[in-house]
Protein backbone atom coordinates (compact mmCIF):
# COMPACT_ATOMS: atom_id res chain seq x y z
CA UNK A 1 0.00 0.00 0.00
CA UNK A 2 2.87 2.38 0.73
CA UNK A 3 4.30 1.89 -2.72
CA UNK A 4 0.92 2.40 -4.38
CA UNK A 5 0.22 5.49 -2.29
CA UNK A 6 3.65 6.96 -3.05
CA UNK A 7 3.13 6.50 -6.79
CA UNK A 8 -0.05 8.62 -6.84
CA UNK A 9 1.59 12.05 -6.39
CA UNK A 10 4.64 11.02 -8.42
CA UNK A 11 2.57 9.98 -11.45
CA UNK A 12 0.30 13.00 -11.03
CA UNK A 13 3.30 15.33 -11.05
CA UNK A 14 4.77 13.61 -14.09
CA UNK A 15 1.43 13.72 -15.88
CA UNK A 16 0.99 17.42 -15.22
CA UNK A 17 4.10 18.14 -17.31
CA UNK A 18 3.46 15.54 -20.02
CA UNK A 19 1.54 15.78 -23.26
CA UNK A 20 -0.74 13.54 -25.27
CA UNK A 21 -0.87 9.83 -24.58
CA UNK A 22 1.88 9.98 -21.96
CA UNK A 23 -0.15 12.48 -19.93
CA UNK A 24 -3.21 10.23 -19.99
CA UNK A 25 -1.09 7.18 -19.13
CA UNK A 26 0.41 8.89 -16.06
CA UNK A 27 -3.02 10.00 -14.78
CA UNK A 28 -4.48 6.53 -15.38
CA UNK A 29 -1.55 4.99 -13.53
CA UNK A 30 -2.09 7.37 -10.59
CA UNK A 31 -5.81 6.57 -10.53
CA UNK A 32 -5.08 2.84 -10.61
CA UNK A 33 -2.66 3.19 -7.73
CA UNK A 34 -5.21 5.12 -5.69
CA UNK A 35 -7.77 2.40 -6.42
CA UNK A 36 -5.22 -0.11 -5.14
CA UNK A 37 -4.89 1.88 -1.90
CA UNK A 38 -8.69 1.99 -1.52
CA UNK A 39 -8.86 -1.78 -2.07
CA UNK A 40 -6.16 -2.28 0.56
CA UNK A 41 -8.10 -0.19 3.07
CA UNK A 42 -11.33 -2.06 2.31
CA UNK A 43 -9.51 -5.39 2.68
CA UNK A 44 -8.02 -4.32 6.01
CA UNK A 45 -11.51 -3.39 7.21
CA UNK A 46 -13.02 -6.69 5.97
CA UNK A 47 -10.30 -8.76 7.66
CA UNK A 48 -10.64 -6.62 10.79
CA UNK A 49 -6.99 -5.53 10.70
CA UNK A 50 -8.29 -2.08 11.64
CA UNK A 51 -11.17 -1.38 13.97
CA UNK A 52 -12.59 1.50 12.00
CA UNK A 53 -11.87 3.85 9.13
CA UNK A 54 -13.44 7.21 8.42
CA UNK A 55 -15.94 6.64 5.58
CA UNK A 56 -15.64 10.31 4.62
CA UNK A 57 -11.94 9.80 3.96
CA UNK A 58 -12.73 6.85 1.68
CA UNK A 59 -15.17 9.08 -0.20
CA UNK A 60 -12.45 11.71 -0.62
CA UNK A 61 -10.04 9.10 -1.96
CA UNK A 62 -12.68 8.03 -4.48
CA UNK A 63 -13.04 11.67 -5.51
CA UNK A 64 -9.29 11.77 -6.18
CA UNK A 65 -9.68 8.76 -8.48
CA UNK A 66 -12.56 10.43 -10.33
CA UNK A 67 -10.55 13.63 -10.76
CA UNK A 68 -7.54 11.74 -12.09
CA UNK A 69 -9.69 9.86 -14.63
CA UNK A 70 -11.31 13.14 -15.69
CA UNK A 71 -7.89 14.74 -16.21
CA UNK A 72 -6.74 11.74 -18.24
CA UNK A 73 -9.19 12.59 -21.03
PDB file of N, CA and C in Angstrom:
ATOM      1  N   UNK A   1       0.825  -1.189   0.000  1.00  0.00           N
ATOM      2  CA  UNK A   1       0.000   0.000   0.000  1.00  0.00           C
ATOM      3  C   UNK A   1       0.870   1.254   0.000  1.00  0.00           C
ATOM      4  N   UNK A   2       1.987   1.203   0.711  1.00  0.00           N
ATOM      5  CA  UNK A   2       2.867   2.380   0.732  1.00  0.00           C
ATOM      6  C   UNK A   2       3.374   2.716  -0.661  1.00  0.00           C
ATOM      7  N   UNK A   3       3.773   1.671  -1.372  1.00  0.00           N
ATOM      8  CA  UNK A   3       4.301   1.886  -2.717  1.00  0.00           C
ATOM      9  C   UNK A   3       3.225   2.459  -3.646  1.00  0.00           C
ATOM     10  N   UNK A   4       2.024   1.908  -3.555  1.00  0.00           N
ATOM     11  CA  UNK A   4       0.920   2.403  -4.379  1.00  0.00           C
ATOM     12  C   UNK A   4       0.591   3.842  -4.023  1.00  0.00           C
ATOM     13  N   UNK A   5       0.548   4.130  -2.726  1.00  0.00           N
ATOM     14  CA  UNK A   5       0.223   5.486  -2.289  1.00  0.00           C
ATOM     15  C   UNK A   5       1.298   6.480  -2.712  1.00  0.00           C
ATOM     16  N   UNK A   6       2.560   6.070  -2.643  1.00  0.00           N
ATOM     17  CA  UNK A   6       3.649   6.963  -3.051  1.00  0.00           C
ATOM     18  C   UNK A   6       3.611   7.254  -4.548  1.00  0.00           C
ATOM     19  N   UNK A   7       3.134   6.297  -5.342  1.00  0.00           N
ATOM     20  CA  UNK A   7       3.131   6.500  -6.793  1.00  0.00           C
ATOM     21  C   UNK A   7       2.057   7.481  -7.258  1.00  0.00           C
ATOM     22  N   UNK A   8       1.037   7.717  -6.429  1.00  0.00           N
ATOM     23  CA  UNK A   8      -0.047   8.622  -6.838  1.00  0.00           C
ATOM     24  C   UNK A   8       0.478  10.035  -7.088  1.00  0.00           C
ATOM     25  N   UNK A   9       1.115  10.696  -6.116  1.00  0.00           N
ATOM     26  CA  UNK A   9       1.588  12.055  -6.392  1.00  0.00           C
ATOM     27  C   UNK A   9       2.725  12.093  -7.410  1.00  0.00           C
ATOM     28  N   UNK A  10       3.543  11.037  -7.455  1.00  0.00           N
ATOM     29  CA  UNK A  10       4.641  11.018  -8.423  1.00  0.00           C
ATOM     30  C   UNK A  10       4.116  10.953  -9.853  1.00  0.00           C
ATOM     31  N   UNK A  11       3.158  10.071 -10.113  1.00  0.00           N
ATOM     32  CA  UNK A  11       2.575   9.979 -11.455  1.00  0.00           C
ATOM     33  C   UNK A  11       1.742  11.206 -11.792  1.00  0.00           C
ATOM     34  N   UNK A  12       1.081  11.778 -10.793  1.00  0.00           N
ATOM     35  CA  UNK A  12       0.304  12.997 -11.026  1.00  0.00           C
ATOM     36  C   UNK A  12       1.229  14.144 -11.421  1.00  0.00           C
ATOM     37  N   UNK A  13       2.341  14.269 -10.719  1.00  0.00           N
ATOM     38  CA  UNK A  13       3.301  15.329 -11.045  1.00  0.00           C
ATOM     39  C   UNK A  13       3.881  15.129 -12.437  1.00  0.00           C
ATOM     40  N   UNK A  14       4.231  13.894 -12.761  1.00  0.00           N
ATOM     41  CA  UNK A  14       4.773  13.611 -14.085  1.00  0.00           C
ATOM     42  C   UNK A  14       3.732  13.885 -15.167  1.00  0.00           C
ATOM     43  N   UNK A  15       2.495  13.495 -14.910  1.00  0.00           N
ATOM     44  CA  UNK A  15       1.430  13.724 -15.880  1.00  0.00           C
ATOM     45  C   UNK A  15       1.140  15.192 -16.112  1.00  0.00           C
ATOM     46  N   UNK A  16       1.303  15.995 -15.077  1.00  0.00           N
ATOM     47  CA  UNK A  16       0.991  17.419 -15.216  1.00  0.00           C
ATOM     48  C   UNK A  16       1.963  18.138 -16.150  1.00  0.00           C
ATOM     49  N   UNK A  17       3.134  17.536 -16.400  1.00  0.00           N
ATOM     50  CA  UNK A  17       4.096  18.140 -17.314  1.00  0.00           C
ATOM     51  C   UNK A  17       4.281  17.323 -18.587  1.00  0.00           C
ATOM     52  N   UNK A  18       3.390  16.369 -18.817  1.00  0.00           N
ATOM     53  CA  UNK A  18       3.456  15.541 -20.018  1.00  0.00           C
ATOM     54  C   UNK A  18       2.400  15.995 -21.016  1.00  0.00           C
ATOM     55  N   UNK A  19       2.512  15.459 -22.217  1.00  0.00           N
ATOM     56  CA  UNK A  19       1.543  15.783 -23.263  1.00  0.00           C
ATOM     57  C   UNK A  19       1.009  14.509 -23.891  1.00  0.00           C
ATOM     58  N   UNK A  20      -0.155  14.632 -24.485  1.00  0.00           N
ATOM     59  CA  UNK A  20      -0.735  13.543 -25.270  1.00  0.00           C
ATOM     60  C   UNK A  20      -0.965  12.267 -24.495  1.00  0.00           C
ATOM     61  N   UNK A  21      -0.604  11.158 -25.152  1.00  0.00           N
ATOM     62  CA  UNK A  21      -0.869   9.834 -24.584  1.00  0.00           C
ATOM     63  C   UNK A  21      -0.097   9.598 -23.291  1.00  0.00           C
ATOM     64  N   UNK A  22       1.098  10.167 -23.183  1.00  0.00           N
ATOM     65  CA  UNK A  22       1.885   9.982 -21.962  1.00  0.00           C
ATOM     66  C   UNK A  22       1.195  10.633 -20.771  1.00  0.00           C
ATOM     67  N   UNK A  23       0.589  11.787 -21.001  1.00  0.00           N
ATOM     68  CA  UNK A  23      -0.147  12.477 -19.931  1.00  0.00           C
ATOM     69  C   UNK A  23      -1.299  11.595 -19.432  1.00  0.00           C
ATOM     70  N   UNK A  24      -2.083  11.084 -20.363  1.00  0.00           N
ATOM     71  CA  UNK A  24      -3.212  10.225 -19.994  1.00  0.00           C
ATOM     72  C   UNK A  24      -2.726   8.972 -19.276  1.00  0.00           C
ATOM     73  N   UNK A  25      -1.629   8.395 -19.749  1.00  0.00           N
ATOM     74  CA  UNK A  25      -1.093   7.179 -19.127  1.00  0.00           C
ATOM     75  C   UNK A  25      -0.673   7.435 -17.688  1.00  0.00           C
ATOM     76  N   UNK A  26      -0.044   8.573 -17.427  1.00  0.00           N
ATOM     77  CA  UNK A  26       0.405   8.893 -16.061  1.00  0.00           C
ATOM     78  C   UNK A  26      -0.788   9.089 -15.130  1.00  0.00           C
ATOM     79  N   UNK A  27      -1.830   9.790 -15.616  1.00  0.00           N
ATOM     80  CA  UNK A  27      -3.018   9.996 -14.781  1.00  0.00           C
ATOM     81  C   UNK A  27      -3.765   8.681 -14.546  1.00  0.00           C
ATOM     82  N   UNK A  28      -3.843   7.832 -15.567  1.00  0.00           N
ATOM     83  CA  UNK A  28      -4.482   6.527 -15.384  1.00  0.00           C
ATOM     84  C   UNK A  28      -3.698   5.677 -14.382  1.00  0.00           C
ATOM     85  N   UNK A  29      -2.389   5.741 -14.463  1.00  0.00           N
ATOM     86  CA  UNK A  29      -1.553   4.986 -13.527  1.00  0.00           C
ATOM     87  C   UNK A  29      -1.776   5.484 -12.097  1.00  0.00           C
ATOM     88  N   UNK A  30      -1.841   6.798 -11.922  1.00  0.00           N
ATOM     89  CA  UNK A  30      -2.089   7.374 -10.594  1.00  0.00           C
ATOM     90  C   UNK A  30      -3.458   6.954 -10.070  1.00  0.00           C
ATOM     91  N   UNK A  31      -4.461   6.974 -10.938  1.00  0.00           N
ATOM     92  CA  UNK A  31      -5.809   6.566 -10.528  1.00  0.00           C
ATOM     93  C   UNK A  31      -5.836   5.086 -10.157  1.00  0.00           C
ATOM     94  N   UNK A  32      -5.149   4.269 -10.925  1.00  0.00           N
ATOM     95  CA  UNK A  32      -5.082   2.843 -10.614  1.00  0.00           C
ATOM     96  C   UNK A  32      -4.400   2.585  -9.282  1.00  0.00           C
ATOM     97  N   UNK A  33      -3.345   3.333  -9.010  1.00  0.00           N
ATOM     98  CA  UNK A  33      -2.655   3.186  -7.728  1.00  0.00           C
ATOM     99  C   UNK A  33      -3.545   3.615  -6.572  1.00  0.00           C
ATOM    100  N   UNK A  34      -4.301   4.683  -6.761  1.00  0.00           N
ATOM    101  CA  UNK A  34      -5.205   5.121  -5.693  1.00  0.00           C
ATOM    102  C   UNK A  34      -6.308   4.087  -5.479  1.00  0.00           C
ATOM    103  N   UNK A  35      -6.790   3.485  -6.557  1.00  0.00           N
ATOM    104  CA  UNK A  35      -7.774   2.401  -6.419  1.00  0.00           C
ATOM    105  C   UNK A  35      -7.177   1.221  -5.652  1.00  0.00           C
ATOM    106  N   UNK A  36      -5.902   0.959  -5.873  1.00  0.00           N
ATOM    107  CA  UNK A  36      -5.219  -0.108  -5.142  1.00  0.00           C
ATOM    108  C   UNK A  36      -5.163   0.209  -3.644  1.00  0.00           C
ATOM    109  N   UNK A  37      -4.906   1.456  -3.308  1.00  0.00           N
ATOM    110  CA  UNK A  37      -4.893   1.879  -1.904  1.00  0.00           C
ATOM    111  C   UNK A  37      -6.281   1.702  -1.286  1.00  0.00           C
ATOM    112  N   UNK A  38      -7.310   2.133  -2.011  1.00  0.00           N
ATOM    113  CA  UNK A  38      -8.686   1.989  -1.518  1.00  0.00           C
ATOM    114  C   UNK A  38      -9.007   0.511  -1.288  1.00  0.00           C
ATOM    115  N   UNK A  39      -8.618  -0.342  -2.224  1.00  0.00           N
ATOM    116  CA  UNK A  39      -8.856  -1.781  -2.071  1.00  0.00           C
ATOM    117  C   UNK A  39      -8.117  -2.330  -0.856  1.00  0.00           C
ATOM    118  N   UNK A  40      -6.915  -1.844  -0.612  1.00  0.00           N
ATOM    119  CA  UNK A  40      -6.163  -2.275   0.559  1.00  0.00           C
ATOM    120  C   UNK A  40      -6.843  -1.877   1.855  1.00  0.00           C
ATOM    121  N   UNK A  41      -7.374  -0.666   1.879  1.00  0.00           N
ATOM    122  CA  UNK A  41      -8.101  -0.194   3.066  1.00  0.00           C
ATOM    123  C   UNK A  41      -9.354  -1.033   3.278  1.00  0.00           C
ATOM    124  N   UNK A  42     -10.106  -1.259   2.198  1.00  0.00           N
ATOM    125  CA  UNK A  42     -11.330  -2.056   2.306  1.00  0.00           C
ATOM    126  C   UNK A  42     -11.024  -3.495   2.742  1.00  0.00           C
ATOM    127  N   UNK A  43      -9.920  -4.043   2.270  1.00  0.00           N
ATOM    128  CA  UNK A  43      -9.514  -5.387   2.677  1.00  0.00           C
ATOM    129  C   UNK A  43      -9.140  -5.414   4.155  1.00  0.00           C
ATOM    130  N   UNK A  44      -8.403  -4.405   4.596  1.00  0.00           N
ATOM    131  CA  UNK A  44      -8.024  -4.319   6.013  1.00  0.00           C
ATOM    132  C   UNK A  44      -9.258  -4.226   6.905  1.00  0.00           C
ATOM    133  N   UNK A  45     -10.256  -3.501   6.446  1.00  0.00           N
ATOM    134  CA  UNK A  45     -11.512  -3.394   7.205  1.00  0.00           C
ATOM    135  C   UNK A  45     -12.218  -4.753   7.227  1.00  0.00           C
ATOM    136  N   UNK A  46     -12.316  -5.401   6.065  1.00  0.00           N
ATOM    137  CA  UNK A  46     -13.016  -6.687   5.967  1.00  0.00           C
ATOM    138  C   UNK A  46     -12.356  -7.765   6.822  1.00  0.00           C
ATOM    139  N   UNK A  47     -11.026  -7.763   6.865  1.00  0.00           N
ATOM    140  CA  UNK A  47     -10.300  -8.762   7.659  1.00  0.00           C
ATOM    141  C   UNK A  47     -10.116  -8.326   9.108  1.00  0.00           C
ATOM    142  N   UNK A  48     -10.689  -7.188   9.437  1.00  0.00           N
ATOM    143  CA  UNK A  48     -10.638  -6.621  10.788  1.00  0.00           C
ATOM    144  C   UNK A  48      -9.206  -6.367  11.263  1.00  0.00           C
ATOM    145  N   UNK A  49      -8.342  -5.945  10.326  1.00  0.00           N
ATOM    146  CA  UNK A  49      -6.991  -5.529  10.698  1.00  0.00           C
ATOM    147  C   UNK A  49      -7.030  -4.156  11.347  1.00  0.00           C
ATOM    148  N   UNK A  50      -8.058  -3.391  11.019  1.00  0.00           N
ATOM    149  CA  UNK A  50      -8.293  -2.081  11.638  1.00  0.00           C
ATOM    150  C   UNK A  50      -9.697  -2.099  12.221  1.00  0.00           C
ATOM    151  N   UNK A  51      -9.862  -1.401  13.316  1.00  0.00           N
ATOM    152  CA  UNK A  51     -11.172  -1.381  13.971  1.00  0.00           C
ATOM    153  C   UNK A  51     -12.171  -0.518  13.223  1.00  0.00           C
ATOM    154  N   UNK A  52     -11.695   0.604  12.717  1.00  0.00           N
ATOM    155  CA  UNK A  52     -12.591   1.501  11.995  1.00  0.00           C
ATOM    156  C   UNK A  52     -11.780   2.350  11.033  1.00  0.00           C
ATOM    157  N   UNK A  53     -12.489   2.937  10.091  1.00  0.00           N
ATOM    158  CA  UNK A  53     -11.870   3.847   9.133  1.00  0.00           C
ATOM    159  C   UNK A  53     -12.914   4.876   8.762  1.00  0.00           C
ATOM    160  N   UNK A  54     -12.515   6.115   8.702  1.00  0.00           N
ATOM    161  CA  UNK A  54     -13.436   7.210   8.418  1.00  0.00           C
ATOM    162  C   UNK A  54     -14.023   7.057   7.010  1.00  0.00           C
ATOM    163  N   UNK A  55     -15.331   6.804   6.903  1.00  0.00           N
ATOM    164  CA  UNK A  55     -15.937   6.643   5.575  1.00  0.00           C
ATOM    165  C   UNK A  55     -15.839   7.909   4.726  1.00  0.00           C
ATOM    166  N   UNK A  56     -15.787   9.058   5.369  1.00  0.00           N
ATOM    167  CA  UNK A  56     -15.639  10.310   4.622  1.00  0.00           C
ATOM    168  C   UNK A  56     -14.276  10.367   3.930  1.00  0.00           C
ATOM    169  N   UNK A  57     -13.263   9.836   4.574  1.00  0.00           N
ATOM    170  CA  UNK A  57     -11.937   9.795   3.957  1.00  0.00           C
ATOM    171  C   UNK A  57     -11.936   8.869   2.741  1.00  0.00           C
ATOM    172  N   UNK A  58     -12.611   7.736   2.842  1.00  0.00           N
ATOM    173  CA  UNK A  58     -12.727   6.848   1.681  1.00  0.00           C
ATOM    174  C   UNK A  58     -13.435   7.551   0.531  1.00  0.00           C
ATOM    175  N   UNK A  59     -14.468   8.312   0.836  1.00  0.00           N
ATOM    176  CA  UNK A  59     -15.167   9.078  -0.203  1.00  0.00           C
ATOM    177  C   UNK A  59     -14.234  10.087  -0.854  1.00  0.00           C
ATOM    178  N   UNK A  60     -13.404  10.731  -0.064  1.00  0.00           N
ATOM    179  CA  UNK A  60     -12.451  11.705  -0.617  1.00  0.00           C
ATOM    180  C   UNK A  60     -11.423  11.024  -1.518  1.00  0.00           C
ATOM    181  N   UNK A  61     -10.977   9.843  -1.115  1.00  0.00           N
ATOM    182  CA  UNK A  61     -10.038   9.099  -1.957  1.00  0.00           C
ATOM    183  C   UNK A  61     -10.687   8.723  -3.282  1.00  0.00           C
ATOM    184  N   UNK A  62     -11.955   8.350  -3.241  1.00  0.00           N
ATOM    185  CA  UNK A  62     -12.681   8.030  -4.485  1.00  0.00           C
ATOM    186  C   UNK A  62     -12.835   9.270  -5.367  1.00  0.00           C
ATOM    187  N   UNK A  63     -12.968  10.422  -4.742  1.00  0.00           N
ATOM    188  CA  UNK A  63     -13.044  11.671  -5.511  1.00  0.00           C
ATOM    189  C   UNK A  63     -11.714  11.951  -6.204  1.00  0.00           C
ATOM    190  N   UNK A  64     -10.614  11.616  -5.557  1.00  0.00           N
ATOM    191  CA  UNK A  64      -9.295  11.768  -6.179  1.00  0.00           C
ATOM    192  C   UNK A  64      -9.215  10.898  -7.429  1.00  0.00           C
ATOM    193  N   UNK A  65      -9.679   9.664  -7.326  1.00  0.00           N
ATOM    194  CA  UNK A  65      -9.678   8.757  -8.480  1.00  0.00           C
ATOM    195  C   UNK A  65     -10.503   9.350  -9.620  1.00  0.00           C
ATOM    196  N   UNK A  66     -11.686   9.841  -9.303  1.00  0.00           N
ATOM    197  CA  UNK A  66     -12.557  10.427 -10.331  1.00  0.00           C
ATOM    198  C   UNK A  66     -11.893  11.626 -10.997  1.00  0.00           C
ATOM    199  N   UNK A  67     -11.236  12.456 -10.215  1.00  0.00           N
ATOM    200  CA  UNK A  67     -10.553  13.630 -10.761  1.00  0.00           C
ATOM    201  C   UNK A  67      -9.405  13.219 -11.671  1.00  0.00           C
ATOM    202  N   UNK A  68      -8.649  12.210 -11.262  1.00  0.00           N
ATOM    203  CA  UNK A  68      -7.542  11.739 -12.094  1.00  0.00           C
ATOM    204  C   UNK A  68      -8.048  11.178 -13.417  1.00  0.00           C
ATOM    205  N   UNK A  69      -9.121  10.392 -13.385  1.00  0.00           N
ATOM    206  CA  UNK A  69      -9.686   9.864 -14.630  1.00  0.00           C
ATOM    207  C   UNK A  69     -10.198  10.995 -15.517  1.00  0.00           C
ATOM    208  N   UNK A  70     -10.807  11.996 -14.912  1.00  0.00           N
ATOM    209  CA  UNK A  70     -11.306  13.139 -15.687  1.00  0.00           C
ATOM    210  C   UNK A  70     -10.149  13.867 -16.363  1.00  0.00           C
ATOM    211  N   UNK A  71      -9.050  14.048 -15.645  1.00  0.00           N
ATOM    212  CA  UNK A  71      -7.892  14.743 -16.211  1.00  0.00           C
ATOM    213  C   UNK A  71      -7.170  13.914 -17.263  1.00  0.00           C
ATOM    214  N   UNK A  72      -7.395  12.612 -17.260  1.00  0.00           N
ATOM    215  CA  UNK A  72      -6.740  11.744 -18.243  1.00  0.00           C
ATOM    216  C   UNK A  72      -7.357  11.874 -19.628  1.00  0.00           C
ATOM    217  N   UNK A  73      -8.525  12.458 -19.726  1.00  0.00           N
ATOM    218  CA  UNK A  73      -9.194  12.590 -21.031  1.00  0.00           C
ATOM    219  C   UNK A  73      -8.571  13.658 -21.874  1.00  0.00           C
TER     220      UNK A  73
END
